[in-house]
Protein backbone atom coordinates (compact mmCIF):
# COMPACT_ATOMS: atom_id res chain seq x y z
CA MET A 1 38.51 -76.47 90.27
CA ARG A 2 38.05 -73.77 92.97
CA ARG A 3 40.45 -71.54 91.09
CA LEU A 4 38.46 -72.05 87.83
CA ILE A 5 35.20 -71.26 89.67
CA GLY A 6 36.87 -68.13 91.17
CA LEU A 7 37.91 -66.97 87.69
CA MET A 8 34.52 -67.76 86.07
CA LEU A 9 32.32 -66.21 88.92
CA PRO A 10 32.88 -62.51 87.81
CA LEU A 11 31.91 -63.45 84.28
CA PHE A 12 28.63 -65.14 85.39
CA LEU A 13 27.88 -62.11 87.62
CA ALA A 14 28.54 -59.73 84.76
CA LEU A 15 26.32 -61.69 82.38
CA GLY A 16 23.55 -61.79 84.91
CA LEU A 17 23.69 -58.13 85.46
CA THR A 18 23.73 -57.51 81.71
CA LEU A 19 20.62 -59.61 81.18
CA ALA A 20 18.90 -57.99 84.20
CA CYS A 21 19.64 -54.48 82.82
CA ALA A 22 18.28 -55.63 79.34
CA GLY A 23 15.07 -56.91 80.92
CA ALA A 24 14.70 -53.64 82.90
CA SER A 25 15.38 -51.48 79.90
CA ALA A 26 12.71 -53.25 77.90
CA GLN A 27 10.24 -53.11 80.75
CA ASN A 28 10.75 -49.30 81.02
CA TYR A 29 10.83 -48.81 77.27
CA PRO A 30 10.06 -46.16 76.06
CA SER A 31 10.82 -43.69 78.68
CA ARG A 32 11.56 -40.77 76.33
CA PRO A 33 10.58 -39.60 72.76
CA ILE A 34 11.18 -41.90 69.86
CA ARG A 35 12.52 -40.69 66.38
CA LEU A 36 11.06 -42.45 63.32
CA VAL A 37 13.21 -41.70 60.32
CA VAL A 38 11.52 -41.74 56.91
CA PRO A 39 14.13 -41.76 54.13
CA TYR A 40 11.83 -40.05 51.62
CA PRO A 41 9.93 -36.77 51.26
CA PRO A 42 6.60 -36.11 53.13
CA GLY A 43 3.34 -37.10 51.43
CA GLY A 44 3.87 -40.58 49.90
CA PRO A 45 2.26 -43.81 51.18
CA LEU A 46 5.37 -44.69 53.22
CA ASP A 47 5.43 -41.35 54.97
CA ILE A 48 1.71 -41.45 55.56
CA MET A 49 1.85 -44.89 57.12
CA ALA A 50 4.84 -43.96 59.20
CA ARG A 51 2.97 -41.10 60.72
CA ALA A 52 -0.16 -43.18 61.28
CA ILE A 53 1.92 -45.87 63.10
CA GLY A 54 3.81 -43.14 65.02
CA GLN A 55 0.52 -41.87 66.32
CA LYS A 56 -0.65 -45.35 67.40
CA LEU A 57 2.65 -45.90 69.29
CA THR A 58 2.36 -42.44 70.95
CA GLU A 59 -1.25 -43.25 72.02
CA ALA A 60 -0.13 -46.74 73.41
CA TRP A 61 2.99 -45.63 75.19
CA SER A 62 2.40 -42.08 76.10
CA GLN A 63 5.70 -41.00 74.54
CA PRO A 64 5.92 -38.82 71.33
CA VAL A 65 7.00 -40.55 68.13
CA VAL A 66 8.51 -37.83 65.92
CA VAL A 67 8.77 -38.50 62.22
CA ASP A 68 12.01 -37.22 60.68
CA ASN A 69 12.10 -37.05 56.82
CA ARG A 70 15.63 -37.50 55.71
CA ALA A 71 15.33 -37.72 51.92
CA GLY A 72 18.09 -38.18 49.39
CA ALA A 73 20.20 -40.70 47.52
CA GLY A 74 17.28 -43.04 46.90
CA GLY A 75 16.71 -43.45 50.65
CA ASN A 76 20.38 -44.09 51.49
CA ILE A 77 20.82 -40.87 53.56
CA GLY A 78 18.07 -41.69 56.01
CA ALA A 79 18.93 -45.40 56.19
CA ASP A 80 22.57 -44.44 56.96
CA LEU A 81 21.54 -42.06 59.72
CA VAL A 82 19.72 -44.94 61.55
CA ALA A 83 22.42 -47.49 60.86
CA LYS A 84 24.90 -45.23 62.76
CA SER A 85 22.49 -44.38 65.72
CA PRO A 86 22.56 -45.92 69.12
CA ALA A 87 20.95 -49.39 69.36
CA ASP A 88 18.58 -48.44 72.06
CA GLY A 89 15.16 -48.46 70.38
CA TYR A 90 14.88 -44.68 70.33
CA THR A 91 15.66 -44.35 66.61
CA LEU A 92 13.60 -46.31 64.06
CA LEU A 93 13.78 -46.51 60.26
CA MET A 94 10.78 -47.03 57.91
CA GLY A 95 13.00 -49.00 55.54
CA ALA A 96 11.81 -49.88 52.08
CA VAL A 97 12.38 -52.09 49.10
CA ALA A 98 14.76 -49.53 47.75
CA THR A 99 17.01 -49.04 50.82
CA HIS A 100 17.25 -52.76 51.59
CA ALA A 101 16.65 -54.80 48.41
CA ILE A 102 17.38 -52.53 45.38
CA ASN A 103 20.13 -50.12 46.33
CA PRO A 104 22.62 -52.76 47.44
CA THR A 105 23.03 -53.70 43.80
CA LEU A 106 21.96 -50.52 42.04
CA TYR A 107 24.60 -48.34 43.85
CA GLY A 108 28.32 -49.09 43.48
CA LYS A 109 28.86 -48.60 47.29
CA LEU A 110 26.47 -47.97 50.15
CA PRO A 111 27.44 -46.17 53.39
CA TYR A 112 25.62 -48.82 55.32
CA ASP A 113 25.21 -52.61 55.32
CA PRO A 114 21.55 -53.38 54.80
CA VAL A 115 21.91 -56.77 56.51
CA LYS A 116 24.54 -56.28 59.20
CA ASP A 117 23.55 -52.80 60.31
CA PHE A 118 19.79 -53.35 61.04
CA THR A 119 17.37 -55.64 62.86
CA PRO A 120 14.10 -55.93 61.11
CA VAL A 121 11.07 -55.41 63.28
CA ALA A 122 7.90 -55.57 61.26
CA LEU A 123 6.66 -55.42 57.73
CA VAL A 124 4.10 -52.65 57.32
CA ALA A 125 2.80 -53.05 53.79
CA GLN A 126 3.24 -54.46 50.31
CA VAL A 127 1.71 -51.95 47.90
CA PRO A 128 1.07 -53.07 44.35
CA ASN A 129 2.42 -50.74 41.51
CA ILE A 130 0.12 -49.90 38.62
CA LEU A 131 1.02 -49.20 35.09
CA VAL A 132 -0.70 -45.92 34.06
CA VAL A 133 -0.43 -43.94 30.75
CA ASN A 134 -1.37 -40.28 29.92
CA PRO A 135 -4.54 -40.33 27.74
CA SER A 136 -2.48 -38.97 24.85
CA VAL A 137 -1.00 -42.46 24.45
CA PRO A 138 -3.48 -44.43 22.35
CA ALA A 139 -2.58 -47.85 23.92
CA LYS A 140 -5.49 -49.42 25.74
CA SER A 141 -3.55 -52.56 26.92
CA VAL A 142 -0.13 -53.82 27.70
CA LYS A 143 0.00 -55.55 24.34
CA GLU A 144 -0.96 -52.30 22.51
CA LEU A 145 1.68 -50.30 24.61
CA ILE A 146 4.44 -52.71 23.54
CA GLU A 147 3.40 -52.46 19.94
CA PHE A 148 3.27 -48.67 20.15
CA ALA A 149 6.68 -48.45 21.89
CA ARG A 150 8.34 -50.92 19.42
CA ALA A 151 7.17 -48.80 16.55
CA ARG A 152 8.69 -45.70 18.11
CA PRO A 153 12.06 -46.55 19.84
CA GLY A 154 13.05 -43.90 22.43
CA HIS A 155 9.71 -41.90 21.92
CA LEU A 156 8.10 -42.75 25.30
CA ASN A 157 9.37 -41.37 28.56
CA PHE A 158 8.43 -43.03 31.87
CA GLY A 159 8.67 -41.12 35.17
CA SER A 160 9.57 -42.43 38.65
CA GLY A 161 9.88 -41.03 42.16
CA SER A 162 13.57 -41.61 42.09
CA THR A 163 16.42 -43.58 40.58
CA GLY A 164 16.26 -47.07 42.13
CA SER A 165 12.58 -46.91 43.12
CA THR A 166 10.32 -49.78 42.24
CA GLY A 167 8.75 -47.51 39.58
CA HIS A 168 12.15 -47.18 38.02
CA LEU A 169 13.00 -50.84 38.19
CA ALA A 170 9.56 -51.77 36.96
CA GLY A 171 10.19 -49.72 33.80
CA GLU A 172 13.63 -51.15 33.27
CA LEU A 173 12.25 -54.71 33.68
CA PHE A 174 9.50 -53.81 31.28
CA LYS A 175 11.95 -52.56 28.72
CA THR A 176 14.01 -55.80 29.00
CA MET A 177 11.17 -58.22 28.91
CA ALA A 178 9.21 -56.51 26.22
CA GLY A 179 12.15 -55.56 24.09
CA VAL A 180 11.35 -51.86 23.88
CA GLN A 181 13.32 -48.62 24.26
CA MET A 182 11.90 -45.99 26.68
CA VAL A 183 13.67 -43.20 28.48
CA HIS A 184 13.61 -43.03 32.32
CA ILE A 185 12.94 -39.65 33.84
CA PRO A 186 13.67 -39.68 37.63
CA TYR A 187 12.04 -37.11 39.95
CA LYS A 188 12.53 -36.04 43.54
CA GLY A 189 9.43 -37.90 44.82
CA GLY A 190 6.41 -39.34 43.34
CA ALA A 191 4.32 -36.15 43.51
CA PRO A 192 6.41 -34.14 40.94
CA ALA A 193 6.52 -37.20 38.67
CA MET A 194 2.75 -37.59 38.77
CA ALA A 195 2.33 -33.92 38.04
CA ASP A 196 4.36 -34.27 34.89
CA LEU A 197 2.50 -37.32 33.84
CA LEU A 198 -0.75 -35.59 34.19
CA ALA A 199 0.69 -32.72 32.20
CA GLY A 200 2.00 -35.06 29.51
CA GLN A 201 5.65 -34.20 30.09
CA VAL A 202 6.16 -37.97 30.50
CA GLN A 203 3.93 -40.60 28.94
CA LEU A 204 3.68 -43.47 31.59
CA MET A 205 4.61 -44.44 35.11
CA PHE A 206 4.67 -47.59 37.08
CA ASP A 207 3.29 -45.84 40.29
CA ASN A 208 2.02 -47.30 43.55
CA LEU A 209 -1.65 -47.92 43.31
CA ALA A 210 -2.70 -45.62 46.21
CA ASN A 211 -1.14 -42.60 44.43
CA ALA A 212 -2.41 -43.43 40.91
CA LEU A 213 -5.91 -44.61 41.71
CA PRO A 214 -7.62 -41.27 42.22
CA ASN A 215 -6.48 -39.95 38.94
CA VAL A 216 -7.43 -43.18 37.14
CA ARG A 217 -11.02 -43.02 38.67
CA ALA A 218 -11.20 -39.36 37.57
CA GLY A 219 -10.27 -40.26 34.04
CA ARG A 220 -7.10 -38.25 34.05
CA LEU A 221 -4.98 -41.38 33.58
CA ARG A 222 -5.54 -44.70 31.95
CA ALA A 223 -4.65 -47.92 33.94
CA LEU A 224 -3.24 -50.84 31.94
CA ALA A 225 -2.09 -53.39 34.46
CA VAL A 226 -0.73 -54.05 37.93
CA THR A 227 2.91 -55.18 38.39
CA THR A 228 2.24 -58.01 40.89
CA LEU A 229 1.65 -61.59 40.01
CA ALA A 230 -1.85 -61.56 41.48
CA ARG A 231 -4.51 -58.97 40.71
CA SER A 232 -5.24 -56.38 43.27
CA PRO A 233 -8.39 -56.49 45.42
CA ALA A 234 -8.65 -52.73 44.93
CA MET A 235 -9.00 -53.24 41.14
CA PRO A 236 -9.98 -56.85 40.58
CA ASP A 237 -10.84 -56.26 36.88
CA LEU A 238 -7.37 -54.82 36.04
CA PRO A 239 -5.04 -57.54 34.58
CA THR A 240 -1.54 -58.21 35.65
CA ILE A 241 1.36 -57.41 33.40
CA ALA A 242 2.35 -61.12 33.80
CA GLU A 243 -0.91 -62.18 32.33
CA SER A 244 -0.85 -59.58 29.63
CA GLY A 245 2.04 -61.03 27.68
CA LEU A 246 5.07 -60.79 29.98
CA PRO A 247 4.91 -63.99 32.15
CA GLY A 248 6.83 -63.82 35.40
CA PHE A 249 6.61 -60.07 35.71
CA ASP A 250 6.38 -59.36 39.49
CA LEU A 251 7.38 -56.08 41.28
CA THR A 252 5.89 -54.51 44.46
CA THR A 253 6.59 -51.62 46.78
CA TRP A 254 6.99 -52.56 50.26
CA PHE A 255 8.11 -50.97 53.58
CA GLY A 256 8.59 -51.80 57.15
CA LEU A 257 10.03 -50.72 60.52
CA MET A 258 13.72 -51.55 61.33
CA VAL A 259 16.14 -50.57 64.21
CA PRO A 260 19.94 -50.43 64.38
CA ALA A 261 21.69 -53.86 64.73
CA GLY A 262 22.28 -54.70 68.36
CA THR A 263 19.05 -53.36 69.71
CA PRO A 264 17.93 -55.45 72.70
CA PRO A 265 15.66 -58.44 71.56
CA GLU A 266 13.12 -57.51 74.23
CA ILE A 267 12.76 -54.04 72.73
CA VAL A 268 12.47 -55.48 69.28
CA LEU A 269 9.68 -57.70 70.40
CA LYS A 270 7.89 -55.03 72.18
CA LEU A 271 8.01 -52.88 69.08
CA ASN A 272 6.87 -55.65 66.88
CA GLN A 273 3.87 -56.58 68.99
CA GLU A 274 2.73 -52.95 69.24
CA ILE A 275 3.17 -52.29 65.52
CA VAL A 276 1.25 -55.54 64.64
CA ARG A 277 -1.52 -54.40 67.07
CA ALA A 278 -1.61 -50.93 65.28
CA LEU A 279 -1.76 -52.46 61.77
CA ASN A 280 -4.77 -54.62 62.77
CA ALA A 281 -6.77 -51.58 64.15
CA LYS A 282 -9.90 -50.76 62.10
CA ASP A 283 -8.68 -47.38 60.90
CA MET A 284 -5.29 -48.75 59.90
CA ARG A 285 -6.94 -51.56 58.02
CA GLU A 286 -9.00 -49.00 56.11
CA ARG A 287 -5.82 -47.03 55.25
CA LEU A 288 -4.11 -50.19 53.96
CA ASP A 289 -7.26 -51.08 51.98
CA LYS A 290 -7.11 -47.89 50.10
CA MET A 291 -3.46 -48.84 49.17
CA GLY A 292 -4.65 -52.06 47.72
CA THR A 293 -3.09 -54.17 50.50
CA GLU A 294 -3.72 -55.68 53.97
CA PRO A 295 -1.87 -56.32 57.16
CA PRO A 296 0.88 -58.97 56.50
CA ALA A 297 0.34 -62.42 58.01
CA ASN A 298 3.00 -64.09 60.25
CA ASN A 299 4.46 -60.66 60.87
CA THR A 300 7.42 -61.44 63.24
CA PRO A 301 10.89 -60.01 63.02
CA GLU A 302 12.17 -63.39 61.72
CA HIS A 303 9.64 -63.50 58.92
CA PHE A 304 10.46 -59.88 57.98
CA ALA A 305 14.15 -60.75 57.87
CA ALA A 306 13.62 -63.80 55.67
CA PHE A 307 11.37 -61.65 53.34
CA ILE A 308 14.10 -59.10 52.94
CA ARG A 309 16.67 -61.77 51.99
CA THR A 310 14.34 -63.07 49.40
CA GLU A 311 13.59 -59.61 47.98
CA ALA A 312 17.25 -58.64 47.89
CA ALA A 313 18.07 -61.72 45.75
CA LYS A 314 15.15 -60.93 43.39
CA TYR A 315 16.03 -57.35 42.85
CA ALA A 316 19.70 -58.09 42.47
CA LYS A 317 18.82 -60.10 39.40
CA VAL A 318 16.39 -57.32 38.10
CA VAL A 319 18.99 -54.66 38.49
CA LYS A 320 21.86 -56.69 36.86
CA ASP A 321 19.58 -57.87 33.92
CA SER A 322 18.47 -54.26 33.27
CA GLY A 323 22.02 -52.74 33.37
CA ALA A 324 20.72 -49.98 35.75
CA LYS A 325 23.50 -48.50 37.83
CA VAL A 326 24.04 -45.43 40.09
CA GLU A 327 27.74 -44.60 40.90
């Protein structure tokens, strides 16, 4: 017995030292600048919210949070960078529905594992998408758009911010459920796609509500429906696609903070608590309201992880049913 205790004692001491160091690192965290990687170009809702949250964290901790835009490959480049970063809480990812729910099925092979390589921290927002058409398209409802498209196979082009975005997948799901032929035109970001929609180079988009709403209110675009199952509080009179003839249609854009797998739980919890506090600040609530959303309820790392698993299963089916693929 004494021999066994003698053998086990160093292990217990090492474990105790490890736990003590973890507690100390969490207590002192952050002690240097933090990098927040955004895997998309500047200017979109995800980037805007990343910068707003970064500012809140900077104010709370007196350490700079530097936003680093690493766009490309549908978000995979930025996600892969974070996946391979040290698990110390100093490199964060503003992950999204594309990087963690769509791309695993859409791409033949990813350079990272969306489950094993990350620890979810907090969901930031679920933003409704909205089906908008250029005024040159005569359709004033989803039903009329389907009739118009069926009478002109391949005539309509729909733009999106990138291959694999929710705007892309919404269009593919729409084609499948409505039985219409439309051509997908991917862009490098939502801004150039919107510019071509306004110019009539593409005829429709399934864009996020925050981007599309100003042009709808200005009369430059016509809104037909939202892509979520429930109507948006920002446009309560606008019907859903599901209630407009395609029951079960449900897609949304979401994004949230993640860290590399293996990051100490104490640091993950500290990040979660400060991000949730930031999201509930008055100015942040106003930003979210303009996007047609609000701070998520029960916003723990565990809830976010479960949400990602559900979304991954849903989008795997959408991608397979649509036949969309990126090699």
